[in-house]
Structure formats: C-alpha cells, structure tokens
Amino acid sequence: MKPTYSKIYRILHWSIAISFTLTLITIFLRLTWMNKNNMAEIMENYLSKNDVILTQDQLIVLAKQIRQPMWDWHIYLGYVLTGLFVVRFSLPFFGEMKIQNPLDKNITFKEKIQKWIYIVFYVCVVISLITGLIIKFGPKEFKKSMESIHELSIYYLVTFIVLHIGGVLYAEFTNDKGIISRIVSGYKNKV
C-alpha cells in the first residue's frame, strides 16, 4: 500500500517548496536583470542622455538602493525557511515526519540513495540557514567568509530541485503512480 501524507506534512512540504522557489527568484534576479553592474549601466546610459553624470561608485550605490526591497524579501524568506525547518526537525519528537534513516537494513538500495540525498540536502539547508543568520546578525569579521559559503547554496538547491522533481515524475510514471495526487490531496488517486 502506498503511503498517504498527513496534512501537516503536505502544508510543510508546500510551504518549504514555495519559500525555496521565491528565494531562488530573488537570487536569479540579483544575478541577472537586477545585477548592480547591469543596473548601473542602464542608469548611466539614461542619465548621460540627459547630461547627468554620476561616478561608477554612485551608480552602484543607486543600483543597490533600487534592488534593496527585492533583496529584503530574500532575507524574509530566509527567516521563514528557518522557522519551517525548525518545525520540520521538531516534528519527529511528536511522532510526525520521521527523520530518514539510510542505514536501515530493511530498505532497498534505491531507498537508501533517496534517504542519503535527503540527509545531504538537510545538512546543506542547515548550513545555508546558519550562514545566512550569521551574515545578518553575526560579527562583521565573519560576514565575508559566511557569504562565500552561503552563496554556494544555489548549487545544491538547484541540484536537489532537479533531482526531486525528476524522481517524483519518474515515480509517478513508473512504480509509484499517484504520488503527486497524494502530496497534493493526501490520498491515493482512485484509478
């Protein structure tokens, strides 16, 4: 019998998924269209046509100020994700959402791989959340090194999302039909 997902599991799953998606959007915007150098160039081109000249440093400061509200959302989403993962890691103490055990001898090799992927993902998330909090609230002398570690988050996050969605689609179309409807509704689709 295929497992069903409790309401708390589904709410937490989708809250984390939406928060990560929105976080990725802020990262994508910062790296592309709202990149401080791109924005400074656009402003420089516009202002020079109107005989207004600003230094490159002034343009960068202005570009950072324009994109600051978007980046504030990245920080707010980090707080939300921190709260969601505190809840996620607290739930096993209440009998919900047990922590994955890849060393269980009663599971298949495929299940062991899946469980290891989740554990690596959780470790990476915890590192990202802690480094983000240190960047925001920690000592200034740690900020640069924490930013370097924190910026690596995009690589594991995109990798995990691709593996997760690929694995779910593979399961849906092979041996675990109805997994998508179960994570949405909580029940196996009646086929």
N, C-alpha and C. Protein backbone atom coordinates (compact mmCIF):
# COMPACT_ATOMS: atom_id res chain seq x y z
N MET A 1 0.84 -1.19 0.00
CA MET A 1 0.00 0.00 0.00
C MET A 1 0.88 1.26 0.00
N LYS A 2 0.54 2.20 -0.83
CA LYS A 2 1.30 3.43 -0.95
C LYS A 2 0.99 4.35 0.24
N PRO A 3 2.01 5.05 0.73
CA PRO A 3 1.77 5.93 1.89
C PRO A 3 0.93 7.15 1.50
N THR A 4 0.15 7.62 2.46
CA THR A 4 -0.55 8.89 2.30
C THR A 4 0.23 9.92 3.11
N TYR A 5 0.01 11.18 2.82
CA TYR A 5 0.75 12.23 3.51
C TYR A 5 -0.22 13.02 4.39
N SER A 6 0.16 13.21 5.65
CA SER A 6 -0.69 13.93 6.59
C SER A 6 -0.80 15.40 6.17
N LYS A 7 -1.78 16.06 6.73
CA LYS A 7 -1.99 17.48 6.42
C LYS A 7 -0.77 18.30 6.82
N ILE A 8 -0.20 18.03 8.00
CA ILE A 8 0.98 18.78 8.44
C ILE A 8 2.15 18.55 7.49
N TYR A 9 2.33 17.33 7.03
CA TYR A 9 3.39 17.01 6.08
C TYR A 9 3.20 17.81 4.80
N ARG A 10 1.97 17.80 4.27
CA ARG A 10 1.71 18.49 3.00
C ARG A 10 1.85 20.00 3.14
N ILE A 11 1.35 20.56 4.22
CA ILE A 11 1.47 22.01 4.43
C ILE A 11 2.95 22.39 4.54
N LEU A 12 3.71 21.63 5.29
CA LEU A 12 5.13 21.92 5.45
C LEU A 12 5.88 21.75 4.13
N HIS A 13 5.59 20.66 3.41
CA HIS A 13 6.24 20.40 2.13
C HIS A 13 6.01 21.57 1.17
N TRP A 14 4.76 21.98 1.00
CA TRP A 14 4.46 23.04 0.04
C TRP A 14 4.92 24.40 0.52
N SER A 15 4.91 24.65 1.82
CA SER A 15 5.43 25.92 2.35
C SER A 15 6.93 26.03 2.07
N ILE A 16 7.65 24.93 2.31
CA ILE A 16 9.09 24.92 2.02
C ILE A 16 9.33 25.07 0.51
N ALA A 17 8.56 24.36 -0.30
CA ALA A 17 8.74 24.43 -1.75
C ALA A 17 8.50 25.85 -2.27
N ILE A 18 7.44 26.49 -1.81
CA ILE A 18 7.13 27.86 -2.26
C ILE A 18 8.21 28.82 -1.77
N SER A 19 8.63 28.68 -0.52
CA SER A 19 9.67 29.57 0.02
C SER A 19 10.98 29.42 -0.74
N PHE A 20 11.38 28.18 -1.03
CA PHE A 20 12.60 27.97 -1.81
C PHE A 20 12.47 28.55 -3.22
N THR A 21 11.32 28.38 -3.83
CA THR A 21 11.11 28.92 -5.18
C THR A 21 11.25 30.44 -5.18
N LEU A 22 10.61 31.09 -4.22
CA LEU A 22 10.70 32.55 -4.14
C LEU A 22 12.12 33.00 -3.82
N THR A 23 12.81 32.24 -2.99
CA THR A 23 14.21 32.56 -2.68
C THR A 23 15.07 32.46 -3.94
N LEU A 24 14.84 31.41 -4.73
CA LEU A 24 15.58 31.26 -5.98
C LEU A 24 15.30 32.42 -6.94
N ILE A 25 14.07 32.90 -6.95
CA ILE A 25 13.73 34.04 -7.81
C ILE A 25 14.55 35.26 -7.40
N THR A 26 14.67 35.51 -6.09
CA THR A 26 15.46 36.67 -5.65
C THR A 26 16.93 36.51 -6.05
N ILE A 27 17.45 35.29 -5.94
CA ILE A 27 18.84 35.03 -6.34
C ILE A 27 19.00 35.24 -7.84
N PHE A 28 18.06 34.67 -8.61
CA PHE A 28 18.11 34.80 -10.07
C PHE A 28 18.07 36.27 -10.48
N LEU A 29 17.18 37.05 -9.88
CA LEU A 29 17.09 38.47 -10.22
C LEU A 29 18.39 39.20 -9.88
N ARG A 30 18.96 38.87 -8.72
CA ARG A 30 20.19 39.54 -8.31
C ARG A 30 21.35 39.20 -9.26
N LEU A 31 21.36 37.98 -9.78
CA LEU A 31 22.45 37.58 -10.66
C LEU A 31 22.25 38.01 -12.11
N THR A 32 21.02 38.38 -12.48
CA THR A 32 20.74 38.71 -13.88
C THR A 32 20.24 40.15 -14.01
N TRP A 33 18.95 40.32 -14.23
CA TRP A 33 18.40 41.64 -14.54
C TRP A 33 18.68 42.69 -13.49
N MET A 34 18.68 42.30 -12.23
CA MET A 34 18.89 43.29 -11.18
C MET A 34 20.33 43.27 -10.65
N ASN A 35 21.25 42.76 -11.45
CA ASN A 35 22.67 42.80 -11.11
C ASN A 35 23.08 44.26 -11.01
N LYS A 36 23.80 44.60 -9.94
CA LYS A 36 24.15 46.00 -9.70
C LYS A 36 24.90 46.63 -10.87
N ASN A 37 25.76 45.88 -11.54
CA ASN A 37 26.52 46.43 -12.66
C ASN A 37 25.63 46.67 -13.87
N ASN A 38 24.72 45.74 -14.14
CA ASN A 38 23.76 45.93 -15.25
C ASN A 38 22.89 47.15 -14.99
N MET A 39 22.39 47.24 -13.76
CA MET A 39 21.52 48.36 -13.43
C MET A 39 22.28 49.68 -13.51
N ALA A 40 23.52 49.69 -13.05
CA ALA A 40 24.33 50.91 -13.11
C ALA A 40 24.56 51.34 -14.56
N GLU A 41 24.78 50.37 -15.43
CA GLU A 41 24.98 50.68 -16.85
C GLU A 41 23.72 51.28 -17.48
N ILE A 42 22.57 50.70 -17.16
CA ILE A 42 21.30 51.22 -17.68
C ILE A 42 21.08 52.65 -17.19
N MET A 43 21.32 52.88 -15.91
CA MET A 43 21.15 54.23 -15.37
C MET A 43 22.15 55.21 -16.00
N GLU A 44 23.38 54.76 -16.18
CA GLU A 44 24.41 55.62 -16.78
C GLU A 44 24.02 56.02 -18.20
N ASN A 45 23.53 55.06 -18.99
CA ASN A 45 23.10 55.36 -20.36
C ASN A 45 21.95 56.36 -20.37
N TYR A 46 20.99 56.17 -19.50
CA TYR A 46 19.84 57.08 -19.44
C TYR A 46 20.25 58.47 -18.97
N LEU A 47 21.03 58.51 -17.89
CA LEU A 47 21.41 59.81 -17.32
C LEU A 47 22.32 60.59 -18.26
N SER A 48 23.22 59.90 -18.97
CA SER A 48 24.13 60.61 -19.86
C SER A 48 23.39 61.27 -21.02
N LYS A 49 22.26 60.67 -21.43
CA LYS A 49 21.44 61.29 -22.48
C LYS A 49 20.80 62.58 -21.99
N ASN A 50 20.69 62.71 -20.69
CA ASN A 50 20.09 63.90 -20.08
C ASN A 50 21.15 64.78 -19.41
N ASP A 51 22.39 64.58 -19.83
CA ASP A 51 23.53 65.37 -19.35
C ASP A 51 23.70 65.31 -17.83
N VAL A 52 23.39 64.17 -17.25
CA VAL A 52 23.63 63.95 -15.82
C VAL A 52 24.73 62.90 -15.72
N ILE A 53 25.78 63.22 -15.02
CA ILE A 53 26.91 62.32 -14.91
C ILE A 53 27.09 61.92 -13.44
N LEU A 54 27.13 60.63 -13.22
CA LEU A 54 27.43 60.09 -11.89
C LEU A 54 28.64 59.18 -12.02
N THR A 55 29.40 59.09 -10.95
CA THR A 55 30.55 58.18 -10.98
C THR A 55 30.04 56.74 -10.94
N GLN A 56 30.92 55.81 -11.27
CA GLN A 56 30.56 54.39 -11.23
C GLN A 56 30.15 53.99 -9.81
N ASP A 57 30.88 54.48 -8.82
CA ASP A 57 30.55 54.17 -7.42
C ASP A 57 29.16 54.69 -7.05
N GLN A 58 28.83 55.91 -7.50
CA GLN A 58 27.50 56.46 -7.22
C GLN A 58 26.41 55.64 -7.90
N LEU A 59 26.66 55.21 -9.13
CA LEU A 59 25.69 54.40 -9.85
C LEU A 59 25.48 53.05 -9.16
N ILE A 60 26.55 52.45 -8.66
CA ILE A 60 26.44 51.17 -7.95
C ILE A 60 25.63 51.35 -6.67
N VAL A 61 25.89 52.42 -5.93
CA VAL A 61 25.13 52.69 -4.70
C VAL A 61 23.65 52.85 -5.04
N LEU A 62 23.34 53.59 -6.08
CA LEU A 62 21.96 53.79 -6.50
C LEU A 62 21.31 52.47 -6.93
N ALA A 63 22.05 51.67 -7.68
CA ALA A 63 21.54 50.37 -8.12
C ALA A 63 21.23 49.48 -6.91
N LYS A 64 22.11 49.49 -5.92
CA LYS A 64 21.88 48.68 -4.72
C LYS A 64 20.64 49.16 -3.97
N GLN A 65 20.44 50.47 -3.93
CA GLN A 65 19.25 51.00 -3.24
C GLN A 65 17.96 50.61 -3.96
N ILE A 66 18.01 50.59 -5.28
CA ILE A 66 16.81 50.23 -6.06
C ILE A 66 16.44 48.77 -5.83
N ARG A 67 17.44 47.91 -5.77
CA ARG A 67 17.13 46.48 -5.63
C ARG A 67 17.01 46.03 -4.17
N GLN A 68 17.26 46.92 -3.21
CA GLN A 68 17.22 46.53 -1.80
C GLN A 68 15.88 45.94 -1.37
N PRO A 69 14.73 46.51 -1.77
CA PRO A 69 13.47 45.89 -1.34
C PRO A 69 13.34 44.44 -1.81
N MET A 70 13.81 44.15 -3.02
CA MET A 70 13.77 42.77 -3.51
C MET A 70 14.69 41.90 -2.66
N TRP A 71 15.85 42.40 -2.31
CA TRP A 71 16.77 41.61 -1.51
C TRP A 71 16.27 41.43 -0.08
N ASP A 72 15.50 42.41 0.42
CA ASP A 72 14.87 42.26 1.74
C ASP A 72 13.97 41.02 1.74
N TRP A 73 13.29 40.77 0.62
CA TRP A 73 12.45 39.57 0.53
C TRP A 73 13.28 38.29 0.65
N HIS A 74 14.48 38.31 0.12
CA HIS A 74 15.37 37.15 0.27
C HIS A 74 15.62 36.88 1.76
N ILE A 75 15.87 37.94 2.50
CA ILE A 75 16.12 37.82 3.93
C ILE A 75 14.87 37.33 4.66
N TYR A 76 13.70 37.93 4.35
CA TYR A 76 12.45 37.50 4.99
C TYR A 76 12.17 36.03 4.71
N LEU A 77 12.40 35.62 3.47
CA LEU A 77 12.20 34.21 3.11
C LEU A 77 13.18 33.30 3.86
N GLY A 78 14.38 33.80 4.12
CA GLY A 78 15.34 33.05 4.93
C GLY A 78 14.81 32.83 6.34
N TYR A 79 14.17 33.86 6.91
CA TYR A 79 13.56 33.71 8.24
C TYR A 79 12.43 32.68 8.20
N VAL A 80 11.61 32.77 7.15
CA VAL A 80 10.50 31.81 7.00
C VAL A 80 11.05 30.40 6.90
N LEU A 81 12.06 30.21 6.04
CA LEU A 81 12.66 28.87 5.89
C LEU A 81 13.29 28.38 7.20
N THR A 82 13.92 29.27 7.94
CA THR A 82 14.48 28.87 9.23
C THR A 82 13.37 28.35 10.14
N GLY A 83 12.26 29.09 10.21
CA GLY A 83 11.13 28.65 11.02
C GLY A 83 10.55 27.33 10.55
N LEU A 84 10.40 27.18 9.24
CA LEU A 84 9.84 25.95 8.68
C LEU A 84 10.75 24.75 8.97
N PHE A 85 12.05 24.94 8.89
CA PHE A 85 12.96 23.83 9.16
C PHE A 85 13.07 23.53 10.66
N VAL A 86 12.90 24.54 11.51
CA VAL A 86 12.82 24.26 12.95
C VAL A 86 11.61 23.38 13.21
N VAL A 87 10.48 23.72 12.59
CA VAL A 87 9.27 22.89 12.73
C VAL A 87 9.54 21.50 12.16
N ARG A 88 10.15 21.43 10.98
CA ARG A 88 10.43 20.15 10.33
C ARG A 88 11.26 19.23 11.21
N PHE A 89 12.29 19.79 11.83
CA PHE A 89 13.17 18.97 12.65
C PHE A 89 12.61 18.72 14.05
N SER A 90 11.56 19.45 14.44
CA SER A 90 10.91 19.22 15.73
C SER A 90 9.82 18.15 15.63
N LEU A 91 9.21 18.02 14.48
CA LEU A 91 8.08 17.10 14.31
C LEU A 91 8.37 15.64 14.68
N PRO A 92 9.56 15.10 14.40
CA PRO A 92 9.80 13.71 14.80
C PRO A 92 9.64 13.48 16.31
N PHE A 93 9.88 14.51 17.11
CA PHE A 93 9.70 14.38 18.56
C PHE A 93 8.22 14.25 18.94
N PHE A 94 7.34 14.60 17.99
CA PHE A 94 5.89 14.49 18.21
C PHE A 94 5.27 13.37 17.38
N GLY A 95 6.13 12.51 16.83
CA GLY A 95 5.65 11.35 16.09
C GLY A 95 5.27 11.62 14.65
N GLU A 96 5.60 12.79 14.13
CA GLU A 96 5.31 13.15 12.74
C GLU A 96 6.61 13.24 11.95
N MET A 97 6.57 12.95 10.67
CA MET A 97 7.67 13.17 9.73
C MET A 97 9.01 12.68 10.29
N LYS A 98 9.14 11.44 10.46
CA LYS A 98 10.36 10.84 11.00
C LYS A 98 11.57 11.21 10.13
N ILE A 99 12.72 11.31 10.77
CA ILE A 99 13.97 11.60 10.05
C ILE A 99 14.36 10.35 9.25
N GLN A 100 14.84 10.57 8.05
CA GLN A 100 15.22 9.47 7.16
C GLN A 100 16.40 8.69 7.75
N ASN A 101 16.36 7.37 7.64
CA ASN A 101 17.47 6.54 8.11
C ASN A 101 18.00 5.69 6.95
N PRO A 102 19.07 6.15 6.31
CA PRO A 102 19.61 5.41 5.17
C PRO A 102 20.34 4.13 5.58
N LEU A 103 20.55 3.93 6.87
CA LEU A 103 21.27 2.75 7.34
C LEU A 103 20.33 1.59 7.69
N ASP A 104 19.03 1.82 7.53
CA ASP A 104 18.03 0.78 7.81
C ASP A 104 18.30 -0.41 6.88
N LYS A 105 18.43 -1.58 7.44
CA LYS A 105 18.74 -2.78 6.65
C LYS A 105 17.53 -3.32 5.90
N ASN A 106 16.34 -2.83 6.21
CA ASN A 106 15.11 -3.34 5.59
C ASN A 106 14.65 -2.52 4.39
N ILE A 107 15.50 -1.66 3.87
CA ILE A 107 15.12 -0.86 2.72
C ILE A 107 15.99 -1.22 1.52
N THR A 108 15.48 -0.90 0.35
CA THR A 108 16.20 -1.22 -0.89
C THR A 108 17.36 -0.24 -1.10
N PHE A 109 18.24 -0.60 -2.03
CA PHE A 109 19.36 0.27 -2.38
C PHE A 109 18.84 1.63 -2.87
N LYS A 110 17.80 1.60 -3.69
CA LYS A 110 17.21 2.84 -4.21
C LYS A 110 16.71 3.72 -3.06
N GLU A 111 16.05 3.12 -2.08
CA GLU A 111 15.56 3.89 -0.93
C GLU A 111 16.71 4.45 -0.11
N LYS A 112 17.80 3.69 0.00
CA LYS A 112 18.98 4.19 0.72
C LYS A 112 19.54 5.43 0.02
N ILE A 113 19.64 5.37 -1.31
CA ILE A 113 20.13 6.53 -2.07
C ILE A 113 19.21 7.73 -1.85
N GLN A 114 17.90 7.51 -1.94
CA GLN A 114 16.94 8.59 -1.72
C GLN A 114 17.12 9.21 -0.34
N LYS A 115 17.26 8.39 0.67
CA LYS A 115 17.39 8.88 2.04
C LYS A 115 18.71 9.64 2.23
N TRP A 116 19.79 9.16 1.61
CA TRP A 116 21.06 9.88 1.69
C TRP A 116 20.95 11.25 1.01
N ILE A 117 20.26 11.29 -0.12
CA ILE A 117 20.08 12.57 -0.81
C ILE A 117 19.35 13.56 0.09
N TYR A 118 18.31 13.10 0.79
CA TYR A 118 17.58 13.99 1.70
C TYR A 118 18.45 14.44 2.86
N ILE A 119 19.27 13.54 3.39
CA ILE A 119 20.13 13.92 4.51
C ILE A 119 21.16 14.97 4.05
N VAL A 120 21.77 14.75 2.89
CA VAL A 120 22.72 15.74 2.36
C VAL A 120 22.01 17.07 2.13
N PHE A 121 20.79 17.01 1.59
CA PHE A 121 20.00 18.23 1.38
C PHE A 121 19.76 18.94 2.70
N TYR A 122 19.32 18.21 3.72
CA TYR A 122 19.04 18.83 5.02
C TYR A 122 20.30 19.45 5.63
N VAL A 123 21.43 18.78 5.52
CA VAL A 123 22.68 19.33 6.04
C VAL A 123 23.02 20.63 5.30
N CYS A 124 22.88 20.62 3.98
CA CYS A 124 23.16 21.83 3.19
C CYS A 124 22.21 22.97 3.56
N VAL A 125 20.94 22.65 3.76
CA VAL A 125 19.95 23.67 4.15
C VAL A 125 20.34 24.27 5.50
N VAL A 126 20.67 23.43 6.45
CA VAL A 126 21.05 23.92 7.78
C VAL A 126 22.27 24.84 7.67
N ILE A 127 23.26 24.44 6.88
CA ILE A 127 24.44 25.28 6.68
C ILE A 127 24.05 26.62 6.06
N SER A 128 23.17 26.59 5.06
CA SER A 128 22.73 27.83 4.41
C SER A 128 21.99 28.74 5.38
N LEU A 129 21.10 28.16 6.17
CA LEU A 129 20.33 28.96 7.11
C LEU A 129 21.22 29.55 8.20
N ILE A 130 22.13 28.76 8.71
CA ILE A 130 23.04 29.25 9.76
C ILE A 130 23.96 30.34 9.21
N THR A 131 24.52 30.11 8.02
CA THR A 131 25.41 31.15 7.45
C THR A 131 24.63 32.42 7.15
N GLY A 132 23.38 32.27 6.67
CA GLY A 132 22.55 33.45 6.43
C GLY A 132 22.29 34.23 7.70
N LEU A 133 22.01 33.53 8.79
CA LEU A 133 21.78 34.21 10.07
C LEU A 133 23.05 34.86 10.59
N ILE A 134 24.20 34.21 10.38
CA ILE A 134 25.47 34.81 10.81
C ILE A 134 25.76 36.06 9.98
N ILE A 135 25.48 36.00 8.67
CA ILE A 135 25.68 37.19 7.82
C ILE A 135 24.85 38.36 8.35
N LYS A 136 23.62 38.07 8.73
CA LYS A 136 22.70 39.12 9.17
C LYS A 136 22.98 39.59 10.60
N PHE A 137 23.24 38.65 11.51
CA PHE A 137 23.32 39.00 12.92
C PHE A 137 24.67 38.77 13.58
N GLY A 138 25.57 38.09 12.88
CA GLY A 138 26.85 37.73 13.48
C GLY A 138 27.87 38.84 13.44
N PRO A 139 29.05 38.53 13.96
CA PRO A 139 30.15 39.51 13.94
C PRO A 139 30.55 39.86 12.51
N LYS A 140 30.87 41.10 12.29
CA LYS A 140 31.21 41.60 10.95
C LYS A 140 32.42 40.88 10.36
N GLU A 141 33.36 40.45 11.21
CA GLU A 141 34.58 39.81 10.69
C GLU A 141 34.29 38.45 10.05
N PHE A 142 33.13 37.86 10.34
CA PHE A 142 32.76 36.57 9.73
C PHE A 142 31.93 36.74 8.45
N LYS A 143 31.45 37.96 8.21
CA LYS A 143 30.50 38.18 7.13
C LYS A 143 31.01 37.69 5.77
N LYS A 144 32.21 38.06 5.39
CA LYS A 144 32.74 37.72 4.07
C LYS A 144 32.87 36.20 3.89
N SER A 145 33.43 35.52 4.88
CA SER A 145 33.59 34.07 4.75
C SER A 145 32.23 33.36 4.76
N MET A 146 31.29 33.87 5.55
CA MET A 146 29.95 33.27 5.58
C MET A 146 29.22 33.50 4.25
N GLU A 147 29.42 34.67 3.66
CA GLU A 147 28.81 34.94 2.35
C GLU A 147 29.33 33.97 1.30
N SER A 148 30.63 33.68 1.35
CA SER A 148 31.22 32.74 0.38
C SER A 148 30.57 31.36 0.50
N ILE A 149 30.36 30.91 1.73
CA ILE A 149 29.72 29.61 1.94
C ILE A 149 28.24 29.69 1.55
N HIS A 150 27.57 30.76 1.98
CA HIS A 150 26.13 30.92 1.73
C HIS A 150 25.82 30.94 0.23
N GLU A 151 26.68 31.57 -0.54
CA GLU A 151 26.45 31.68 -1.98
C GLU A 151 26.50 30.33 -2.70
N LEU A 152 27.12 29.35 -2.09
CA LEU A 152 27.15 28.00 -2.68
C LEU A 152 25.78 27.33 -2.62
N SER A 153 24.87 27.88 -1.83
CA SER A 153 23.53 27.30 -1.67
C SER A 153 22.82 27.09 -2.99
N ILE A 154 23.01 27.99 -3.91
CA ILE A 154 22.28 27.89 -5.18
C ILE A 154 22.60 26.58 -5.90
N TYR A 155 23.83 26.09 -5.75
CA TYR A 155 24.22 24.87 -6.46
C TYR A 155 23.52 23.63 -5.90
N TYR A 156 23.51 23.49 -4.57
CA TYR A 156 22.83 22.31 -4.03
C TYR A 156 21.32 22.44 -4.19
N LEU A 157 20.80 23.66 -4.06
CA LEU A 157 19.35 23.84 -4.14
C LEU A 157 18.82 23.51 -5.53
N VAL A 158 19.44 24.03 -6.56
CA VAL A 158 19.01 23.73 -7.92
C VAL A 158 19.19 22.24 -8.22
N THR A 159 20.31 21.67 -7.77
CA THR A 159 20.55 20.23 -7.97
C THR A 159 19.47 19.41 -7.29
N PHE A 160 19.16 19.74 -6.04
CA PHE A 160 18.14 18.99 -5.32
C PHE A 160 16.78 19.12 -5.98
N ILE A 161 16.41 20.32 -6.40
CA ILE A 161 15.11 20.52 -7.04
C ILE A 161 15.00 19.67 -8.30
N VAL A 162 16.05 19.67 -9.11
CA VAL A 162 16.04 18.86 -10.34
C VAL A 162 15.92 17.38 -9.99
N LEU A 163 16.71 16.91 -9.02
CA LEU A 163 16.64 15.50 -8.61
C LEU A 163 15.25 15.17 -8.03
N HIS A 164 14.73 16.06 -7.21
CA HIS A 164 13.44 15.83 -6.55
C HIS A 164 12.31 15.75 -7.58
N ILE A 165 12.22 16.74 -8.44
CA ILE A 165 11.14 16.75 -9.44
C ILE A 165 11.33 15.59 -10.42
N GLY A 166 12.57 15.34 -10.84
CA GLY A 166 12.83 14.21 -11.72
C GLY A 166 12.44 12.89 -11.08
N GLY A 167 12.81 12.72 -9.81
CA GLY A 167 12.46 11.49 -9.09
C GLY A 167 10.97 11.32 -8.91
N VAL A 168 10.28 12.41 -8.60
CA VAL A 168 8.82 12.34 -8.43
C VAL A 168 8.15 11.98 -9.76
N LEU A 169 8.58 12.62 -10.83
CA LEU A 169 7.99 12.31 -12.14
C LEU A 169 8.29 10.88 -12.56
N TYR A 170 9.52 10.43 -12.32
CA TYR A 170 9.88 9.05 -12.62
C TYR A 170 8.98 8.09 -11.84
N ALA A 171 8.82 8.36 -10.54
CA ALA A 171 7.98 7.51 -9.69
C ALA A 171 6.53 7.53 -10.17
N GLU A 172 6.05 8.72 -10.50
CA GLU A 172 4.64 8.86 -10.94
C GLU A 172 4.37 8.04 -12.19
N PHE A 173 5.33 8.00 -13.09
CA PHE A 173 5.09 7.32 -14.38
C PHE A 173 5.62 5.88 -14.40
N THR A 174 6.14 5.40 -13.26
CA THR A 174 6.60 4.01 -13.22
C THR A 174 5.92 3.27 -12.07
N ASN A 175 6.60 3.14 -10.95
CA ASN A 175 6.14 2.25 -9.89
C ASN A 175 5.36 2.90 -8.76
N ASP A 176 5.19 4.21 -8.76
CA ASP A 176 4.50 4.87 -7.64
C ASP A 176 3.43 5.83 -8.16
N LYS A 177 2.57 5.31 -9.02
CA LYS A 177 1.51 6.14 -9.59
C LYS A 177 0.67 6.74 -8.46
N GLY A 178 0.35 8.02 -8.61
CA GLY A 178 -0.47 8.70 -7.62
C GLY A 178 0.32 9.46 -6.57
N ILE A 179 1.66 9.43 -6.67
CA ILE A 179 2.46 10.14 -5.66
C ILE A 179 2.18 11.64 -5.69
N ILE A 180 1.95 12.19 -6.88
CA ILE A 180 1.68 13.63 -6.98
C ILE A 180 0.33 13.95 -6.36
N SER A 181 -0.70 13.17 -6.65
CA SER A 181 -2.01 13.45 -6.06
C SER A 181 -1.98 13.25 -4.55
N ARG A 182 -1.15 12.32 -4.05
CA ARG A 182 -1.07 12.11 -2.59
C ARG A 182 -0.41 13.30 -1.90
N ILE A 183 0.60 13.91 -2.52
CA ILE A 183 1.27 15.04 -1.87
C ILE A 183 0.41 16.30 -1.98
N VAL A 184 -0.54 16.32 -2.92
CA VAL A 184 -1.47 17.45 -3.04
C VAL A 184 -2.67 17.24 -2.12
N SER A 185 -3.34 16.10 -2.25
CA SER A 185 -4.59 15.87 -1.51
C SER A 185 -4.40 15.06 -0.24
N GLY A 186 -3.34 14.29 -0.18
CA GLY A 186 -3.12 13.42 0.98
C GLY A 186 -3.60 12.01 0.77
N TYR A 187 -4.30 11.78 -0.32
CA TYR A 187 -4.88 10.46 -0.57
C TYR A 187 -4.46 9.93 -1.92
N LYS A 188 -4.45 8.63 -2.03
CA LYS A 188 -4.15 7.98 -3.31
C LYS A 188 -5.28 8.26 -4.28
N ASN A 189 -4.91 8.62 -5.49
CA ASN A 189 -5.89 8.86 -6.53
C ASN A 189 -6.60 7.56 -6.88
N LYS A 190 -7.89 7.55 -6.92
CA LYS A 190 -8.65 6.34 -7.27
C LYS A 190 -8.61 6.12 -8.76
N VAL A 191 -7.85 5.13 -9.19
CA VAL A 191 -7.72 4.86 -10.63
C VAL A 191 -8.42 3.58 -10.95
